[in-house]
Amino acid sequence: MLNILSIIIGIVALLLAIPSSIPLLGWGNWIVLPIAIIGVGFGALSSSNKGRNFCLVVLGIAAVRLMIGGGII
């Protein structure tokens, strides 16, 4: 059950991260990071690793995008 919840949280974070990759909307990744971290937490509590790994990928995408934009844009 926690794995499914983690995957759902990861999908929500990914849907928020997609428009945040557009220039001048990179600040949205600051919203994506805590959501993805919560998903990683739920995924870590589950018996399967799929949800956790998915949230880690979304977290990595958002963090790289923030680094490219300097943390703001």
PDB file of N, CA and C in Angstrom:
ATOM      1  N   MET A   1       0.815  -1.190   0.000  1.00  0.00           N
ATOM      2  CA  MET A   1       0.000   0.000   0.000  1.00  0.00           C
ATOM      3  C   MET A   1       0.866   1.265   0.000  1.00  0.00           C
ATOM      4  N   LEU A   2       1.925   1.265   0.806  1.00  0.00           N
ATOM      5  CA  LEU A   2       2.802   2.435   0.841  1.00  0.00           C
ATOM      6  C   LEU A   2       3.554   2.615  -0.469  1.00  0.00           C
ATOM      7  N   ASN A   3       3.822   1.503  -1.164  1.00  0.00           N
ATOM      8  CA  ASN A   3       4.497   1.595  -2.446  1.00  0.00           C
ATOM      9  C   ASN A   3       3.603   2.296  -3.469  1.00  0.00           C
ATOM     10  N   ILE A   4       2.326   1.956  -3.481  1.00  0.00           N
ATOM     11  CA  ILE A   4       1.389   2.611  -4.405  1.00  0.00           C
ATOM     12  C   ILE A   4       1.257   4.088  -4.064  1.00  0.00           C
ATOM     13  N   LEU A   5       1.204   4.415  -2.786  1.00  0.00           N
ATOM     14  CA  LEU A   5       1.131   5.811  -2.357  1.00  0.00           C
ATOM     15  C   LEU A   5       2.382   6.569  -2.791  1.00  0.00           C
ATOM     16  N   SER A   6       3.528   5.932  -2.689  1.00  0.00           N
ATOM     17  CA  SER A   6       4.775   6.555  -3.108  1.00  0.00           C
ATOM     18  C   SER A   6       4.788   6.795  -4.612  1.00  0.00           C
ATOM     19  N   ILE A   7       4.279   5.855  -5.384  1.00  0.00           N
ATOM     20  CA  ILE A   7       4.219   6.034  -6.838  1.00  0.00           C
ATOM     21  C   ILE A   7       3.270   7.167  -7.199  1.00  0.00           C
ATOM     22  N   ILE A   8       2.135   7.255  -6.517  1.00  0.00           N
ATOM     23  CA  ILE A   8       1.182   8.343  -6.779  1.00  0.00           C
ATOM     24  C   ILE A   8       1.807   9.693  -6.446  1.00  0.00           C
ATOM     25  N   ILE A   9       2.507   9.773  -5.333  1.00  0.00           N
ATOM     26  CA  ILE A   9       3.185  11.019  -4.963  1.00  0.00           C
ATOM     27  C   ILE A   9       4.259  11.357  -5.990  1.00  0.00           C
ATOM     28  N   GLY A  10       4.970  10.346  -6.472  1.00  0.00           N
ATOM     29  CA  GLY A  10       5.982  10.570  -7.494  1.00  0.00           C
ATOM     30  C   GLY A  10       5.388  11.068  -8.796  1.00  0.00           C
ATOM     31  N   ILE A  11       4.225  10.545  -9.173  1.00  0.00           N
ATOM     32  CA  ILE A  11       3.566  11.010 -10.397  1.00  0.00           C
ATOM     33  C   ILE A  11       3.132  12.464 -10.250  1.00  0.00           C
ATOM     34  N   VAL A  12       2.598  12.817  -9.084  1.00  0.00           N
ATOM     35  CA  VAL A  12       2.214  14.213  -8.839  1.00  0.00           C
ATOM     36  C   VAL A  12       3.440  15.118  -8.909  1.00  0.00           C
ATOM     37  N   ALA A  13       4.529  14.690  -8.304  1.00  0.00           N
ATOM     38  CA  ALA A  13       5.754  15.490  -8.338  1.00  0.00           C
ATOM     39  C   ALA A  13       6.282  15.612  -9.762  1.00  0.00           C
ATOM     40  N   LEU A  14       6.203  14.530 -10.541  1.00  0.00           N
ATOM     41  CA  LEU A  14       6.658  14.585 -11.927  1.00  0.00           C
ATOM     42  C   LEU A  14       5.788  15.518 -12.756  1.00  0.00           C
ATOM     43  N   LEU A  15       4.478  15.478 -12.538  1.00  0.00           N
ATOM     44  CA  LEU A  15       3.587  16.377 -13.269  1.00  0.00           C
ATOM     45  C   LEU A  15       3.851  17.839 -12.922  1.00  0.00           C
ATOM     46  N   LEU A  16       4.289  18.112 -11.713  1.00  0.00           N
ATOM     47  CA  LEU A  16       4.666  19.470 -11.341  1.00  0.00           C
ATOM     48  C   LEU A  16       6.053  19.835 -11.857  1.00  0.00           C
ATOM     49  N   ALA A  17       6.920  18.837 -12.032  1.00  0.00           N
ATOM     50  CA  ALA A  17       8.284  19.099 -12.487  1.00  0.00           C
ATOM     51  C   ALA A  17       8.341  19.373 -13.989  1.00  0.00           C
ATOM     52  N   ILE A  18       7.409  18.818 -14.749  1.00  0.00           N
ATOM     53  CA  ILE A  18       7.441  19.006 -16.201  1.00  0.00           C
ATOM     54  C   ILE A  18       7.297  20.479 -16.581  1.00  0.00           C
ATOM     55  N   PRO A  19       6.279  21.217 -16.082  1.00  0.00           N
ATOM     56  CA  PRO A  19       6.246  22.637 -16.441  1.00  0.00           C
ATOM     57  C   PRO A  19       7.366  23.445 -15.797  1.00  0.00           C
ATOM     58  N   SER A  20       7.948  22.925 -14.739  1.00  0.00           N
ATOM     59  CA  SER A  20       9.040  23.645 -14.084  1.00  0.00           C
ATOM     60  C   SER A  20      10.331  23.587 -14.885  1.00  0.00           C
ATOM     61  N   SER A  21      10.364  22.782 -15.939  1.00  0.00           N
ATOM     62  CA  SER A  21      11.562  22.737 -16.778  1.00  0.00           C
ATOM     63  C   SER A  21      11.551  23.846 -17.828  1.00  0.00           C
ATOM     64  N   ILE A  22      10.436  24.554 -17.951  1.00  0.00           N
ATOM     65  CA  ILE A  22      10.344  25.684 -18.866  1.00  0.00           C
ATOM     66  C   ILE A  22      11.115  26.857 -18.255  1.00  0.00           C
ATOM     67  N   PRO A  23      11.875  27.583 -19.070  1.00  0.00           N
ATOM     68  CA  PRO A  23      12.600  28.734 -18.525  1.00  0.00           C
ATOM     69  C   PRO A  23      11.656  29.715 -17.818  1.00  0.00           C
ATOM     70  N   LEU A  24      12.133  30.288 -16.759  1.00  0.00           N
ATOM     71  CA  LEU A  24      11.446  31.229 -15.880  1.00  0.00           C
ATOM     72  C   LEU A  24      10.370  30.581 -15.011  1.00  0.00           C
ATOM     73  N   LEU A  25      10.208  29.267 -15.090  1.00  0.00           N
ATOM     74  CA  LEU A  25       9.307  28.559 -14.184  1.00  0.00           C
ATOM     75  C   LEU A  25      10.074  27.567 -13.316  1.00  0.00           C
ATOM     76  N   GLY A  26      11.386  27.692 -13.286  1.00  0.00           N
ATOM     77  CA  GLY A  26      12.223  26.776 -12.518  1.00  0.00           C
ATOM     78  C   GLY A  26      12.006  26.855 -11.025  1.00  0.00           C
ATOM     79  N   TRP A  27      11.425  27.945 -10.552  1.00  0.00           N
ATOM     80  CA  TRP A  27      11.138  28.073  -9.118  1.00  0.00           C
ATOM     81  C   TRP A  27      10.138  27.021  -8.672  1.00  0.00           C
ATOM     82  N   GLY A  28       9.392  26.448  -9.601  1.00  0.00           N
ATOM     83  CA  GLY A  28       8.441  25.395  -9.250  1.00  0.00           C
ATOM     84  C   GLY A  28       9.120  24.139  -8.735  1.00  0.00           C
ATOM     85  N   ASN A  29      10.396  23.980  -9.055  1.00  0.00           N
ATOM     86  CA  ASN A  29      11.133  22.816  -8.558  1.00  0.00           C
ATOM     87  C   ASN A  29      11.318  22.875  -7.051  1.00  0.00           C
ATOM     88  N   TRP A  30      11.260  24.072  -6.469  1.00  0.00           N
ATOM     89  CA  TRP A  30      11.320  24.176  -5.018  1.00  0.00           C
ATOM     90  C   TRP A  30      10.076  23.573  -4.382  1.00  0.00           C
ATOM     91  N   ILE A  31       8.979  23.508  -5.116  1.00  0.00           N
ATOM     92  CA  ILE A  31       7.764  22.850  -4.635  1.00  0.00           C
ATOM     93  C   ILE A  31       7.867  21.345  -4.853  1.00  0.00           C
ATOM     94  N   VAL A  32       8.516  20.944  -5.945  1.00  0.00           N
ATOM     95  CA  VAL A  32       8.629  19.530  -6.298  1.00  0.00           C
ATOM     96  C   VAL A  32       9.545  18.793  -5.326  1.00  0.00           C
ATOM     97  N   LEU A  33      10.615  19.419  -4.892  1.00  0.00           N
ATOM     98  CA  LEU A  33      11.587  18.736  -4.032  1.00  0.00           C
ATOM     99  C   LEU A  33      10.982  18.186  -2.740  1.00  0.00           C
ATOM    100  N   PRO A  34      10.239  18.974  -1.962  1.00  0.00           N
ATOM    101  CA  PRO A  34       9.665  18.393  -0.736  1.00  0.00           C
ATOM    102  C   PRO A  34       8.635  17.301  -1.015  1.00  0.00           C
ATOM    103  N   ILE A  35       7.876  17.451  -2.108  1.00  0.00           N
ATOM    104  CA  ILE A  35       6.889  16.425  -2.447  1.00  0.00           C
ATOM    105  C   ILE A  35       7.605  15.119  -2.773  1.00  0.00           C
ATOM    106  N   ALA A  36       8.680  15.202  -3.554  1.00  0.00           N
ATOM    107  CA  ALA A  36       9.433  13.997  -3.909  1.00  0.00           C
ATOM    108  C   ALA A  36      10.109  13.382  -2.685  1.00  0.00           C
ATOM    109  N   ILE A  37      10.564  14.196  -1.762  1.00  0.00           N
ATOM    110  CA  ILE A  37      11.191  13.678  -0.542  1.00  0.00           C
ATOM    111  C   ILE A  37      10.164  12.932   0.303  1.00  0.00           C
ATOM    112  N   ILE A  38       8.946  13.444   0.356  1.00  0.00           N
ATOM    113  CA  ILE A  38       7.879  12.735   1.071  1.00  0.00           C
ATOM    114  C   ILE A  38       7.605  11.396   0.400  1.00  0.00           C
ATOM    115  N   GLY A  39       7.604  11.380  -0.942  1.00  0.00           N
ATOM    116  CA  GLY A  39       7.412  10.129  -1.673  1.00  0.00           C
ATOM    117  C   GLY A  39       8.529   9.137  -1.410  1.00  0.00           C
ATOM    118  N   VAL A  40       9.763   9.621  -1.306  1.00  0.00           N
ATOM    119  CA  VAL A  40      10.888   8.748  -0.977  1.00  0.00           C
ATOM    120  C   VAL A  40      10.707   8.160   0.411  1.00  0.00           C
ATOM    121  N   GLY A  41      10.208   8.957   1.338  1.00  0.00           N
ATOM    122  CA  GLY A  41       9.970   8.467   2.700  1.00  0.00           C
ATOM    123  C   GLY A  41       8.937   7.352   2.737  1.00  0.00           C
ATOM    124  N   PHE A  42       7.833   7.550   2.015  1.00  0.00           N
ATOM    125  CA  PHE A  42       6.824   6.498   1.956  1.00  0.00           C
ATOM    126  C   PHE A  42       7.352   5.269   1.238  1.00  0.00           C
ATOM    127  N   GLY A  43       8.157   5.487   0.196  1.00  0.00           N
ATOM    128  CA  GLY A  43       8.730   4.354  -0.523  1.00  0.00           C
ATOM    129  C   GLY A  43       9.720   3.577   0.312  1.00  0.00           C
ATOM    130  N   ALA A  44      10.424   4.273   1.196  1.00  0.00           N
ATOM    131  CA  ALA A  44      11.380   3.591   2.063  1.00  0.00           C
ATOM    132  C   ALA A  44      10.674   2.731   3.109  1.00  0.00           C
ATOM    133  N   LEU A  45       9.463   3.112   3.479  1.00  0.00           N
ATOM    134  CA  LEU A  45       8.719   2.344   4.461  1.00  0.00           C
ATOM    135  C   LEU A  45       8.033   1.119   3.867  1.00  0.00           C
ATOM    136  N   SER A  46       7.914   1.075   2.535  1.00  0.00           N
ATOM    137  CA  SER A  46       7.227  -0.052   1.909  1.00  0.00           C
ATOM    138  C   SER A  46       8.192  -1.220   1.710  1.00  0.00           C
ATOM    139  N   SER A  47       7.622  -2.360   1.367  1.00  0.00           N
ATOM    140  CA  SER A  47       8.450  -3.552   1.166  1.00  0.00           C
ATOM    141  C   SER A  47       9.078  -3.597  -0.221  1.00  0.00           C
ATOM    142  N   SER A  48       8.574  -2.808  -1.161  1.00  0.00           N
ATOM    143  CA  SER A  48       9.107  -2.779  -2.520  1.00  0.00           C
ATOM    144  C   SER A  48       9.895  -1.490  -2.734  1.00  0.00           C
ATOM    145  N   ASN A  49      10.791  -1.500  -3.700  1.00  0.00           N
ATOM    146  CA  ASN A  49      11.640  -0.339  -3.945  1.00  0.00           C
ATOM    147  C   ASN A  49      11.218   0.485  -5.146  1.00  0.00           C
ATOM    148  N   LYS A  50      10.179   0.076  -5.857  1.00  0.00           N
ATOM    149  CA  LYS A  50       9.813   0.751  -7.102  1.00  0.00           C
ATOM    150  C   LYS A  50       9.389   2.190  -6.872  1.00  0.00           C
ATOM    151  N   GLY A  51       8.530   2.425  -5.906  1.00  0.00           N
ATOM    152  CA  GLY A  51       8.058   3.777  -5.622  1.00  0.00           C
ATOM    153  C   GLY A  51       9.171   4.677  -5.135  1.00  0.00           C
ATOM    154  N   ARG A  52      10.012   4.144  -4.275  1.00  0.00           N
ATOM    155  CA  ARG A  52      11.144   4.927  -3.771  1.00  0.00           C
ATOM    156  C   ARG A  52      12.088   5.314  -4.891  1.00  0.00           C
ATOM    157  N   ASN A  53      12.400   4.358  -5.765  1.00  0.00           N
ATOM    158  CA  ASN A  53      13.314   4.641  -6.858  1.00  0.00           C
ATOM    159  C   ASN A  53      12.725   5.647  -7.837  1.00  0.00           C
ATOM    160  N   PHE A  54      11.421   5.540  -8.093  1.00  0.00           N
ATOM    161  CA  PHE A  54      10.769   6.496  -8.983  1.00  0.00           C
ATOM    162  C   PHE A  54      10.838   7.907  -8.409  1.00  0.00           C
ATOM    163  N   CYS A  55      10.573   8.039  -7.122  1.00  0.00           N
ATOM    164  CA  CYS A  55      10.641   9.350  -6.480  1.00  0.00           C
ATOM    165  C   CYS A  55      12.072   9.884  -6.449  1.00  0.00           C
ATOM    166  N   LEU A  56      13.051   8.996  -6.313  1.00  0.00           N
ATOM    167  CA  LEU A  56      14.443   9.436  -6.351  1.00  0.00           C
ATOM    168  C   LEU A  56      14.821   9.973  -7.732  1.00  0.00           C
ATOM    169  N   VAL A  57      14.275   9.361  -8.780  1.00  0.00           N
ATOM    170  CA  VAL A  57      14.531   9.854 -10.137  1.00  0.00           C
ATOM    171  C   VAL A  57      13.908  11.237 -10.314  1.00  0.00           C
ATOM    172  N   VAL A  58      12.675  11.404  -9.864  1.00  0.00           N
ATOM    173  CA  VAL A  58      12.019  12.713  -9.960  1.00  0.00           C
ATOM    174  C   VAL A  58      12.781  13.747  -9.135  1.00  0.00           C
ATOM    175  N   LEU A  59      13.236  13.360  -7.962  1.00  0.00           N
ATOM    176  CA  LEU A  59      14.022  14.254  -7.114  1.00  0.00           C
ATOM    177  C   LEU A  59      15.317  14.666  -7.813  1.00  0.00           C
ATOM    178  N   GLY A  60      15.970  13.708  -8.459  1.00  0.00           N
ATOM    179  CA  GLY A  60      17.198  14.009  -9.196  1.00  0.00           C
ATOM    180  C   GLY A  60      16.956  14.954 -10.357  1.00  0.00           C
ATOM    181  N   ILE A  61      15.873  14.743 -11.092  1.00  0.00           N
ATOM    182  CA  ILE A  61      15.550  15.630 -12.218  1.00  0.00           C
ATOM    183  C   ILE A  61      15.316  17.051 -11.731  1.00  0.00           C
ATOM    184  N   ALA A  62      14.550  17.199 -10.662  1.00  0.00           N
ATOM    185  CA  ALA A  62      14.266  18.530 -10.122  1.00  0.00           C
ATOM    186  C   ALA A  62      15.535  19.186  -9.579  1.00  0.00           C
ATOM    187  N   ALA A  63      16.391  18.412  -8.925  1.00  0.00           N
ATOM    188  CA  ALA A  63      17.621  18.993  -8.362  1.00  0.00           C
ATOM    189  C   ALA A  63      18.580  19.421  -9.463  1.00  0.00           C
ATOM    190  N   VAL A  64      18.691  18.627 -10.507  1.00  0.00           N
ATOM    191  CA  VAL A  64      19.571  19.000 -11.630  1.00  0.00           C
ATOM    192  C   VAL A  64      19.046  20.251 -12.310  1.00  0.00           C
ATOM    193  N   ARG A  65      17.745  20.340 -12.490  1.00  0.00           N
ATOM    194  CA  ARG A  65      17.160  21.524 -13.103  1.00  0.00           C
ATOM    195  C   ARG A  65      17.398  22.765 -12.255  1.00  0.00           C
ATOM    196  N   LEU A  66      17.325  22.608 -10.947  1.00  0.00           N
ATOM    197  CA  LEU A  66      17.618  23.758 -10.066  1.00  0.00           C
ATOM    198  C   LEU A  66      19.082  24.164 -10.168  1.00  0.00           C
ATOM    199  N   MET A  67      19.986  23.176 -10.250  1.00  0.00           N
ATOM    200  CA  MET A  67      21.407  23.494 -10.371  1.00  0.00           C
ATOM    201  C   MET A  67      21.706  24.196 -11.685  1.00  0.00           C
ATOM    202  N   ILE A  68      21.064  23.755 -12.752  1.00  0.00           N
ATOM    203  CA  ILE A  68      21.280  24.386 -14.057  1.00  0.00           C
ATOM    204  C   ILE A  68      20.803  25.833 -14.037  1.00  0.00           C
ATOM    205  N   GLY A  69      19.665  26.092 -13.407  1.00  0.00           N
ATOM    206  CA  GLY A  69      19.102  27.425 -13.369  1.00  0.00           C
ATOM    207  C   GLY A  69      19.655  28.307 -12.268  1.00  0.00           C
ATOM    208  N   GLY A  70      20.567  27.805 -11.481  1.00  0.00           N
ATOM    209  CA  GLY A  70      21.150  28.607 -10.412  1.00  0.00           C
ATOM    210  C   GLY A  70      20.273  28.670  -9.173  1.00  0.00           C
ATOM    211  N   GLY A  71      19.251  27.837  -9.104  1.00  0.00           N
ATOM    212  CA  GLY A  71      18.406  27.788  -7.920  1.00  0.00           C
ATOM    213  C   GLY A  71      17.209  28.706  -7.958  1.00  0.00           C
ATOM    214  N   ILE A  72      17.126  29.557  -8.959  1.00  0.00           N
ATOM    215  CA  ILE A  72      16.023  30.515  -8.987  1.00  0.00           C
ATOM    216  C   ILE A  72      15.177  30.362 -10.240  1.00  0.00           C
ATOM    217  N   ILE A  73      15.812  30.452 -11.408  1.00  0.00           N
ATOM    218  CA  ILE A  73      15.027  30.462 -12.650  1.00  0.00           C
ATOM    219  C   ILE A  73      14.909  29.109 -13.223  1.00  0.00           C
TER     220      ILE A  73
END
